C-alpha atoms as a PDB file:
ATOM      1  CA  UNK A   1      76.575 125.137 -29.970  1.00  0.00           C
ATOM      2  CA  UNK A   2      75.294 126.284 -26.800  1.00  0.00           C
ATOM      3  CA  UNK A   3      72.498 128.826 -27.065  1.00  0.00           C
ATOM      4  CA  UNK A   4      75.575 131.506 -26.297  1.00  0.00           C
ATOM      5  CA  UNK A   5      78.503 130.967 -26.367  1.00  0.00           C
ATOM      6  CA  UNK A   6      79.887 128.036 -28.837  1.00  0.00           C
ATOM      7  CA  UNK A   7      83.436 126.036 -28.157  1.00  0.00           C
ATOM      8  CA  UNK A   8      85.758 125.063 -31.270  1.00  0.00           C
ATOM      9  CA  UNK A   9      89.048 123.773 -31.170  1.00  0.00           C
ATOM     10  CA  UNK A  10      91.188 123.020 -33.088  1.00  0.00           C
ATOM     11  CA  UNK A  11      94.825 121.069 -32.590  1.00  0.00           C
ATOM     12  CA  UNK A  12      95.200 121.597 -29.164  1.00  0.00           C
ATOM     13  CA  UNK A  13      93.499 125.600 -28.794  1.00  0.00           C
ATOM     14  CA  UNK A  14      90.594 126.158 -27.990  1.00  0.00           C
ATOM     15  CA  UNK A  15      88.256 128.532 -29.122  1.00  0.00           C
ATOM     16  CA  UNK A  16      84.917 130.297 -26.968  1.00  0.00           C
ATOM     17  CA  UNK A  17      83.487 131.895 -28.928  1.00  0.00           C
ATOM     18  CA  UNK A  18      80.391 134.370 -27.588  1.00  0.00           C
ATOM     19  CA  UNK A  19      77.791 135.117 -29.476  1.00  0.00           C
ATOM     20  CA  UNK A  20      75.018 136.658 -27.129  1.00  0.00           C
ATOM     21  CA  UNK A  21      72.871 139.472 -28.567  1.00  0.00           C
ATOM     22  CA  UNK A  22      72.882 142.481 -28.191  1.00  0.00           C
ATOM     23  CA  UNK A  23      76.701 142.153 -28.766  1.00  0.00           C
ATOM     24  CA  UNK A  24      77.363 139.840 -25.471  1.00  0.00           C
ATOM     25  CA  UNK A  25      75.621 141.758 -23.542  1.00  0.00           C
ATOM     26  CA  UNK A  26      76.532 140.592 -19.552  1.00  0.00           C
ATOM     27  CA  UNK A  27      73.300 138.162 -18.757  1.00  0.00           C
ATOM     28  CA  UNK A  28      73.343 135.110 -16.236  1.00  0.00           C
ATOM     29  CA  UNK A  29      72.537 132.893 -19.602  1.00  0.00           C
ATOM     30  CA  UNK A  30      76.119 133.738 -21.584  1.00  0.00           C
ATOM     31  CA  UNK A  31      78.082 134.000 -18.054  1.00  0.00           C
ATOM     32  CA  UNK A  32      76.750 130.303 -16.263  1.00  0.00           C
ATOM     33  CA  UNK A  33      77.741 128.673 -20.518  1.00  0.00           C
ATOM     34  CA  UNK A  34      81.336 130.310 -20.421  1.00  0.00           C
ATOM     35  CA  UNK A  35      81.526 128.701 -16.615  1.00  0.00           C
ATOM     36  CA  UNK A  36      80.449 125.342 -17.859  1.00  0.00           C
ATOM     37  CA  UNK A  37      82.641 125.959 -21.079  1.00  0.00           C
ATOM     38  CA  UNK A  38      86.043 126.209 -19.269  1.00  0.00           C
ATOM     39  CA  UNK A  39      85.564 123.720 -15.959  1.00  0.00           C
ATOM     40  CA  UNK A  40      84.857 121.416 -19.585  1.00  0.00           C
ATOM     41  CA  UNK A  41      88.238 122.754 -20.704  1.00  0.00           C
ATOM     42  CA  UNK A  42      90.251 122.959 -18.403  1.00  0.00           C
ATOM     43  CA  UNK A  43      89.513 118.887 -17.788  1.00  0.00           C
ATOM     44  CA  UNK A  44      89.472 118.404 -21.117  1.00  0.00           C
ATOM     45  CA  UNK A  45      93.599 116.708 -22.029  1.00  0.00           C
ATOM     46  CA  UNK A  46      93.839 117.850 -25.618  1.00  0.00           C
ATOM     47  CA  UNK A  47      93.069 121.605 -25.308  1.00  0.00           C
ATOM     48  CA  UNK A  48      96.207 122.847 -24.494  1.00  0.00           C
ATOM     49  CA  UNK A  49      95.058 126.436 -24.565  1.00  0.00           C
ATOM     50  CA  UNK A  50      92.407 128.488 -24.367  1.00  0.00           C
ATOM     51  CA  UNK A  51      90.921 132.213 -27.227  1.00  0.00           C
ATOM     52  CA  UNK A  52      87.771 133.825 -25.671  1.00  0.00           C
ATOM     53  CA  UNK A  53      86.803 135.445 -28.415  1.00  0.00           C
ATOM     54  CA  UNK A  54      83.259 137.609 -30.202  1.00  0.00           C
ATOM     55  CA  UNK A  55      81.029 135.840 -33.073  1.00  0.00           C
ATOM     56  CA  UNK A  56      80.167 139.455 -34.069  1.00  0.00           C
ATOM     57  CA  UNK A  57      81.986 141.881 -35.614  1.00  0.00           C
ATOM     58  CA  UNK A  58      83.757 144.894 -34.046  1.00  0.00           C
ATOM     59  CA  UNK A  59      81.854 144.286 -30.625  1.00  0.00           C
ATOM     60  CA  UNK A  60      83.755 142.039 -27.848  1.00  0.00           C
ATOM     61  CA  UNK A  61      81.040 142.875 -24.681  1.00  0.00           C
ATOM     62  CA  UNK A  62      78.999 145.865 -23.899  1.00  0.00           C
ATOM     63  CA  UNK A  63      78.531 145.378 -20.647  1.00  0.00           C
ATOM     64  CA  UNK A  64      76.081 144.124 -18.346  1.00  0.00           C
ATOM     65  CA  UNK A  65      72.526 143.340 -20.106  1.00  0.00           C
ATOM     66  CA  UNK A  66      70.771 146.434 -17.737  1.00  0.00           C
ATOM     67  CA  UNK A  67      67.138 145.547 -19.482  1.00  0.00           C
ATOM     68  CA  UNK A  68      67.571 141.499 -17.643  1.00  0.00           C
ATOM     69  CA  UNK A  69      69.485 141.859 -14.499  1.00  0.00           C
ATOM     70  CA  UNK A  70      67.282 145.571 -14.065  1.00  0.00           C
ATOM     71  CA  UNK A  71      64.765 143.194 -13.686  1.00  0.00           C
ATOM     72  CA  UNK A  72      65.743 140.177 -12.234  1.00  0.00           C
ATOM     73  CA  UNK A  73      66.026 141.964  -8.270  1.00  0.00           C
ATOM     74  CA  UNK A  74      62.850 144.199  -7.262  1.00  0.00           C
ATOM     75  CA  UNK A  75      64.194 147.355  -6.453  1.00  0.00           C
ATOM     76  CA  UNK A  76      61.928 148.161  -3.089  1.00  0.00           C
ATOM     77  CA  UNK A  77      61.811 144.822  -1.933  1.00  0.00           C
ATOM     78  CA  UNK A  78      63.046 144.718   1.938  1.00  0.00           C
ATOM     79  CA  UNK A  79      65.094 142.165   0.516  1.00  0.00           C
ATOM     80  CA  UNK A  80      66.988 144.118  -2.507  1.00  0.00           C
ATOM     81  CA  UNK A  81      69.786 143.870  -1.283  1.00  0.00           C
ATOM     82  CA  UNK A  82      70.478 140.826  -0.748  1.00  0.00           C
ATOM     83  CA  UNK A  83      69.197 139.579  -3.814  1.00  0.00           C
ATOM     84  CA  UNK A  84      70.716 141.787  -5.535  1.00  0.00           C
ATOM     85  CA  UNK A  85      74.088 141.074  -4.196  1.00  0.00           C
ATOM     86  CA  UNK A  86      73.353 137.338  -4.581  1.00  0.00           C
ATOM     87  CA  UNK A  87      73.005 138.142  -8.183  1.00  0.00           C
ATOM     88  CA  UNK A  88      75.670 139.585  -8.782  1.00  0.00           C
ATOM     89  CA  UNK A  89      77.882 137.458  -6.968  1.00  0.00           C
ATOM     90  CA  UNK A  90      76.371 134.795  -9.380  1.00  0.00           C
ATOM     91  CA  UNK A  91      77.865 135.766 -11.818  1.00  0.00           C
ATOM     92  CA  UNK A  92      81.308 136.606  -9.942  1.00  0.00           C
ATOM     93  CA  UNK A  93      82.048 132.482 -10.206  1.00  0.00           C
ATOM     94  CA  UNK A  94      80.917 132.179 -13.067  1.00  0.00           C
ATOM     95  CA  UNK A  95      84.221 134.465 -14.407  1.00  0.00           C
ATOM     96  CA  UNK A  96      86.512 133.553 -11.986  1.00  0.00           C
ATOM     97  CA  UNK A  97      85.836 129.728 -14.158  1.00  0.00           C
ATOM     98  CA  UNK A  98      87.493 131.896 -16.475  1.00  0.00           C
ATOM     99  CA  UNK A  99      90.313 132.743 -14.094  1.00  0.00           C
ATOM    100  CA  UNK A 100      91.113 129.602 -12.118  1.00  0.00           C
ATOM    101  CA  UNK A 101      91.159 127.214 -15.689  1.00  0.00           C
ATOM    102  CA  UNK A 102      94.455 125.544 -15.514  1.00  0.00           C
ATOM    103  CA  UNK A 103      94.653 126.490 -19.646  1.00  0.00           C
ATOM    104  CA  UNK A 104      97.335 130.175 -20.196  1.00  0.00           C
ATOM    105  CA  UNK A 105      93.377 131.501 -21.999  1.00  0.00           C
ATOM    106  CA  UNK A 106      94.549 134.583 -24.452  1.00  0.00           C
ATOM    107  CA  UNK A 107      91.259 137.471 -25.128  1.00  0.00           C
ATOM    108  CA  UNK A 108      90.975 138.170 -28.753  1.00  0.00           C
ATOM    109  CA  UNK A 109      88.752 141.793 -28.320  1.00  0.00           C
ATOM    110  CA  UNK A 110      88.027 142.198 -32.015  1.00  0.00           C
ATOM    111  CA  UNK A 111      86.062 145.784 -30.609  1.00  0.00           C
ATOM    112  CA  UNK A 112      84.532 147.085 -28.162  1.00  0.00           C
ATOM    113  CA  UNK A 113      84.759 145.693 -24.058  1.00  0.00           C
ATOM    114  CA  UNK A 114      83.010 148.209 -21.347  1.00  0.00           C
ATOM    115  CA  UNK A 115      82.200 146.672 -18.148  1.00  0.00           C
ATOM    116  CA  UNK A 116      81.026 143.455 -17.891  1.00  0.00           C
ATOM    117  CA  UNK A 117      82.966 142.119 -21.227  1.00  0.00           C
ATOM    118  CA  UNK A 118      86.056 144.175 -20.088  1.00  0.00           C
ATOM    119  CA  UNK A 119      86.060 141.749 -15.986  1.00  0.00           C
ATOM    120  CA  UNK A 120      85.521 139.529 -18.930  1.00  0.00           C
ATOM    121  CA  UNK A 121      88.904 140.205 -20.196  1.00  0.00           C
ATOM    122  CA  UNK A 122      90.982 140.627 -16.792  1.00  0.00           C
ATOM    123  CA  UNK A 123      89.630 137.258 -16.129  1.00  0.00           C
ATOM    124  CA  UNK A 124      92.400 136.065 -18.764  1.00  0.00           C
ATOM    125  CA  UNK A 125      95.775 135.639 -19.651  1.00  0.00           C
ATOM    126  CA  UNK A 126      96.714 137.926 -22.033  1.00  0.00           C
ATOM    127  CA  UNK A 127      95.140 140.144 -23.764  1.00  0.00           C
ATOM    128  CA  UNK A 128      95.524 141.136 -27.309  1.00  0.00           C
ATOM    129  CA  UNK A 129      93.458 143.815 -28.752  1.00  0.00           C
ATOM    130  CA  UNK A 130      92.200 145.269 -32.080  1.00  0.00           C
ATOM    131  CA  UNK A 131      93.423 149.501 -32.571  1.00  0.00           C
ATOM    132  CA  UNK A 132      91.181 150.301 -35.356  1.00  0.00           C
ATOM    133  CA  UNK A 133      90.121 153.694 -34.098  1.00  0.00           C
ATOM    134  CA  UNK A 134      87.168 153.271 -32.273  1.00  0.00           C
ATOM    135  CA  UNK A 135      87.506 150.308 -31.108  1.00  0.00           C
ATOM    136  CA  UNK A 136      87.491 150.770 -26.714  1.00  0.00           C
ATOM    137  CA  UNK A 137      87.994 149.044 -23.352  1.00  0.00           C
ATOM    138  CA  UNK A 138      87.639 149.961 -19.970  1.00  0.00           C
ATOM    139  CA  UNK A 139      85.433 149.832 -16.489  1.00  0.00           C
ATOM    140  CA  UNK A 140      82.017 152.378 -18.090  1.00  0.00           C
ATOM    141  CA  UNK A 141      79.959 150.769 -15.078  1.00  0.00           C
ATOM    142  CA  UNK A 142      80.404 154.263 -12.717  1.00  0.00           C
ATOM    143  CA  UNK A 143      78.589 156.324 -15.566  1.00  0.00           C
ATOM    144  CA  UNK A 144      75.166 154.888 -14.723  1.00  0.00           C
ATOM    145  CA  UNK A 145      75.578 155.482 -11.433  1.00  0.00           C
ATOM    146  CA  UNK A 146      76.859 151.559 -10.701  1.00  0.00           C
ATOM    147  CA  UNK A 147      80.020 150.369  -9.577  1.00  0.00           C
ATOM    148  CA  UNK A 148      81.517 147.085 -11.641  1.00  0.00           C
ATOM    149  CA  UNK A 149      80.771 143.278 -10.036  1.00  0.00           C
ATOM    150  CA  UNK A 150      82.148 140.688 -12.288  1.00  0.00           C
ATOM    151  CA  UNK A 151      85.580 141.701 -10.817  1.00  0.00           C
ATOM    152  CA  UNK A 152      86.342 145.188 -11.508  1.00  0.00           C
ATOM    153  CA  UNK A 153      86.945 146.716  -8.777  1.00  0.00           C
ATOM    154  CA  UNK A 154      89.102 144.078  -7.507  1.00  0.00           C
ATOM    155  CA  UNK A 155      91.539 142.752 -10.283  1.00  0.00           C
ATOM    156  CA  UNK A 156      92.826 146.164 -12.522  1.00  0.00           C
ATOM    157  CA  UNK A 157      93.526 148.433  -9.315  1.00  0.00           C
ATOM    158  CA  UNK A 158      95.926 144.644  -8.981  1.00  0.00           C
ATOM    159  CA  UNK A 159      96.492 144.401 -13.231  1.00  0.00           C
ATOM    160  CA  UNK A 160      98.151 147.323 -13.582  1.00  0.00           C
ATOM    161  CA  UNK A 161      97.797 149.228 -10.235  1.00  0.00           C
ATOM    162  CA  UNK A 162      95.619 150.919  -7.929  1.00  0.00           C
ATOM    163  CA  UNK A 163      96.679 154.972  -8.711  1.00  0.00           C
ATOM    164  CA  UNK A 164      96.124 154.364 -12.354  1.00  0.00           C
ATOM    165  CA  UNK A 165      92.969 152.221 -12.004  1.00  0.00           C
ATOM    166  CA  UNK A 166      90.977 154.163  -9.603  1.00  0.00           C
ATOM    167  CA  UNK A 167      91.341 157.114 -11.553  1.00  0.00           C
ATOM    168  CA  UNK A 168      89.600 154.795 -14.218  1.00  0.00           C
ATOM    169  CA  UNK A 169      86.743 153.257 -12.729  1.00  0.00           C
ATOM    170  CA  UNK A 170      85.477 156.761 -10.610  1.00  0.00           C
ATOM    171  CA  UNK A 171      86.339 158.213 -14.140  1.00  0.00           C
ATOM    172  CA  UNK A 172      84.587 155.288 -16.912  1.00  0.00           C
ATOM    173  CA  UNK A 173      87.524 155.590 -18.816  1.00  0.00           C
ATOM    174  CA  UNK A 174      88.056 153.860 -22.274  1.00  0.00           C
ATOM    175  CA  UNK A 175      90.892 153.566 -23.808  1.00  0.00           C
ATOM    176  CA  UNK A 176      91.780 152.600 -27.064  1.00  0.00           C
ATOM    177  CA  UNK A 177      94.471 149.792 -27.422  1.00  0.00           C
ATOM    178  CA  UNK A 178      96.970 151.803 -27.689  1.00  0.00           C
ATOM    179  CA  UNK A 179      96.236 153.299 -24.496  1.00  0.00           C
ATOM    180  CA  UNK A 180      95.033 150.341 -22.381  1.00  0.00           C
ATOM    181  CA  UNK A 181      98.392 148.508 -23.785  1.00  0.00           C
ATOM    182  CA  UNK A 182     100.401 151.633 -22.511  1.00  0.00           C
ATOM    183  CA  UNK A 183      98.909 151.601 -18.646  1.00  0.00           C
ATOM    184  CA  UNK A 184      99.213 147.331 -19.277  1.00  0.00           C
ATOM    185  CA  UNK A 185      95.803 146.576 -19.707  1.00  0.00           C
ATOM    186  CA  UNK A 186      96.142 144.941 -22.447  1.00  0.00           C
ATOM    187  CA  UNK A 187      99.196 142.641 -23.522  1.00  0.00           C
ATOM    188  CA  UNK A 188      99.195 143.972 -27.203  1.00  0.00           C
ATOM    189  CA  UNK A 189      97.457 146.089 -29.285  1.00  0.00           C
ATOM    190  CA  UNK A 190      97.205 145.553 -32.816  1.00  0.00           C
ATOM    191  CA  UNK A 191      96.371 146.391 -36.302  1.00  0.00           C
ATOM    192  CA  UNK A 192      92.239 145.789 -37.649  1.00  0.00           C
ATOM    193  CA  UNK A 193      93.853 143.074 -40.257  1.00  0.00           C
ATOM    194  CA  UNK A 194      96.123 141.257 -38.075  1.00  0.00           C
ATOM    195  CA  UNK A 195      93.990 140.373 -34.644  1.00  0.00           C
ATOM    196  CA  UNK A 196      93.224 136.802 -35.828  1.00  0.00           C
ATOM    197  CA  UNK A 197      97.778 136.499 -36.965  1.00  0.00           C
ATOM    198  CA  UNK A 198      98.309 138.165 -33.540  1.00  0.00           C
ATOM    199  CA  UNK A 199      96.136 135.236 -31.355  1.00  0.00           C
ATOM    200  CA  UNK A 200      97.091 132.334 -33.920  1.00  0.00           C
ATOM    201  CA  UNK A 201     101.210 133.001 -33.547  1.00  0.00           C
ATOM    202  CA  UNK A 202     100.741 133.071 -29.364  1.00  0.00           C
ATOM    203  CA  UNK A 203      97.829 130.297 -28.784  1.00  0.00           C
ATOM    204  CA  UNK A 204     100.353 127.718 -30.956  1.00  0.00           C
ATOM    205  CA  UNK A 205     102.888 128.670 -29.584  1.00  0.00           C
ATOM    206  CA  UNK A 206     101.555 128.313 -25.702  1.00  0.00           C
ATOM    207  CA  UNK A 207     100.010 125.100 -27.433  1.00  0.00           C
ATOM    208  CA  UNK A 208     103.855 123.403 -27.527  1.00  0.00           C
ATOM    209  CA  UNK A 209     104.761 124.373 -23.767  1.00  0.00           C
ATOM    210  CA  UNK A 210     105.055 122.710 -21.297  1.00  0.00           C
ATOM    211  CA  UNK A 211     101.302 123.015 -19.935  1.00  0.00           C
ATOM    212  CA  UNK A 212     100.500 121.389 -17.334  1.00  0.00           C
ATOM    213  CA  UNK A 213     103.144 122.865 -15.041  1.00  0.00           C
ATOM    214  CA  UNK A 214     101.670 126.546 -17.236  1.00  0.00           C
ATOM    215  CA  UNK A 215      98.392 125.705 -15.014  1.00  0.00           C
ATOM    216  CA  UNK A 216     100.144 124.966 -12.000  1.00  0.00           C
ATOM    217  CA  UNK A 217     102.313 128.718 -12.348  1.00  0.00           C
ATOM    218  CA  UNK A 218      98.806 130.411 -13.090  1.00  0.00           C
ATOM    219  CA  UNK A 219      96.986 128.400 -10.177  1.00  0.00           C
ATOM    220  CA  UNK A 220     100.709 129.757  -7.704  1.00  0.00           C
ATOM    221  CA  UNK A 221     100.358 133.516  -9.082  1.00  0.00           C
ATOM    222  CA  UNK A 222      96.695 133.785  -8.613  1.00  0.00           C
ATOM    223  CA  UNK A 223      95.932 132.079  -5.376  1.00  0.00           C
ATOM    224  CA  UNK A 224      99.592 133.503  -3.469  1.00  0.00           C
ATOM    225  CA  UNK A 225      99.375 136.785  -4.625  1.00  0.00           C
ATOM    226  CA  UNK A 226      97.347 138.419  -1.968  1.00  0.00           C
ATOM    227  CA  UNK A 227      98.367 135.763   0.566  1.00  0.00           C
ATOM    228  CA  UNK A 228     101.705 136.517   3.480  1.00  0.00           C
ATOM    229  CA  UNK A 229     104.540 135.390   1.333  1.00  0.00           C
ATOM    230  CA  UNK A 230     105.506 132.420   4.049  1.00  0.00           C
ATOM    231  CA  UNK A 231     101.391 131.206   2.650  1.00  0.00           C
ATOM    232  CA  UNK A 232     102.714 131.199  -0.604  1.00  0.00           C
ATOM    233  CA  UNK A 233     105.733 130.049  -1.679  1.00  0.00           C
ATOM    234  CA  UNK A 234     104.332 127.383   0.526  1.00  0.00           C
ATOM    235  CA  UNK A 235     101.733 126.878  -2.309  1.00  0.00           C
ATOM    236  CA  UNK A 236     104.717 127.452  -5.282  1.00  0.00           C
ATOM    237  CA  UNK A 237     106.535 124.485  -3.309  1.00  0.00           C
ATOM    238  CA  UNK A 238     103.693 122.150  -3.414  1.00  0.00           C
ATOM    239  CA  UNK A 239     102.888 123.132  -6.922  1.00  0.00           C
ATOM    240  CA  UNK A 240     106.737 122.351  -8.203  1.00  0.00           C
ATOM    241  CA  UNK A 241     106.388 119.252  -7.185  1.00  0.00           C
ATOM    242  CA  UNK A 242     103.466 118.501  -9.108  1.00  0.00           C
ATOM    243  CA  UNK A 243     105.437 119.418 -12.204  1.00  0.00           C
ATOM    244  CA  UNK A 244     108.888 118.084 -11.438  1.00  0.00           C
ATOM    245  CA  UNK A 245     106.457 114.976 -11.043  1.00  0.00           C
ATOM    246  CA  UNK A 246     104.669 115.216 -14.447  1.00  0.00           C
ATOM    247  CA  UNK A 247     105.431 113.283 -17.477  1.00  0.00           C
ATOM    248  CA  UNK A 248     106.324 117.110 -18.987  1.00  0.00           C
ATOM    249  CA  UNK A 249     109.437 117.229 -16.485  1.00  0.00           C
ATOM    250  CA  UNK A 250     110.965 114.709 -18.314  1.00  0.00           C
ATOM    251  CA  UNK A 251     110.795 115.385 -21.790  1.00  0.00           C
ATOM    252  CA  UNK A 252     111.648 118.412 -20.889  1.00  0.00           C
ATOM    253  CA  UNK A 253     115.452 117.481 -19.274  1.00  0.00           C
ATOM    254  CA  UNK A 254     115.492 115.283 -21.740  1.00  0.00           C
ATOM    255  CA  UNK A 255     115.679 117.655 -23.591  1.00  0.00           C
ATOM    256  CA  UNK A 256     117.884 119.682 -22.653  1.00  0.00           C
ATOM    257  CA  UNK A 257     120.353 116.871 -21.808  1.00  0.00           C
ATOM    258  CA  UNK A 258     120.173 116.067 -25.030  1.00  0.00           C
ATOM    259  CA  UNK A 259     120.216 119.683 -26.836  1.00  0.00           C
ATOM    260  CA  UNK A 260     116.879 118.721 -28.804  1.00  0.00           C
ATOM    261  CA  UNK A 261     113.452 121.057 -27.979  1.00  0.00           C
ATOM    262  CA  UNK A 262     111.302 118.995 -26.446  1.00  0.00           C
ATOM    263  CA  UNK A 263     107.749 117.357 -27.896  1.00  0.00           C
ATOM    264  CA  UNK A 264     105.447 118.977 -24.040  1.00  0.00           C
ATOM    265  CA  UNK A 265     102.285 116.442 -23.434  1.00  0.00           C
ATOM    266  CA  UNK A 266     100.201 118.710 -21.641  1.00  0.00           C
ATOM    267  CA  UNK A 267     100.818 116.356 -18.439  1.00  0.00           C
END
């Protein structure tokens, strides 16, 4: 139990549940606990899949705690720009720990995911969001005279393409779950009351998979995406070798040859 984050485990599924005051407004206390939780779960052999969720009904995260962040740097100080850069870079590093987690990560978006809340969701591998006629997702920062600072300008175009992402960021567009699903921002929009079942079904399915291999595939994609193809192929080859020599690879091959469902161990 943390000040802003709880980790709850059931079988191979770990749930990282946010409960920071202000409907999970983003500030260093929350992002620091998120980073610690995801780094620990990445090393936990019992955790096969991770769900990022909110304790608050109808709110995933409303974005930056503007009061906390606005007061952290004196805008008139001669080094204000450098200090602000350092502060937001620290938050971005915390967010990156979610993306780097070597386990499949699912964002259970039960309500508004705006600004930094959208950036949190972008760090996850899957996004399942409730379609309730109210909840919205999007990078809403420019409406406040700022821009995304924890990955929104980089991860959103990589996910849905520049042609869609640029107008959304410039106009602070807020999408419903169905609209976000249509452009590829969320993987699945679900009706009210169906979110938990959809997340549980996906998490349960992934937890039975060869999660060591899934982590290596995720790493190859994330690290190789922006590299020249020749360099990216080297990452893939190394990760292929690691996966091929794993215990799960033996289990998978034997299961295939014997026409039986493989019972992977995640190692």
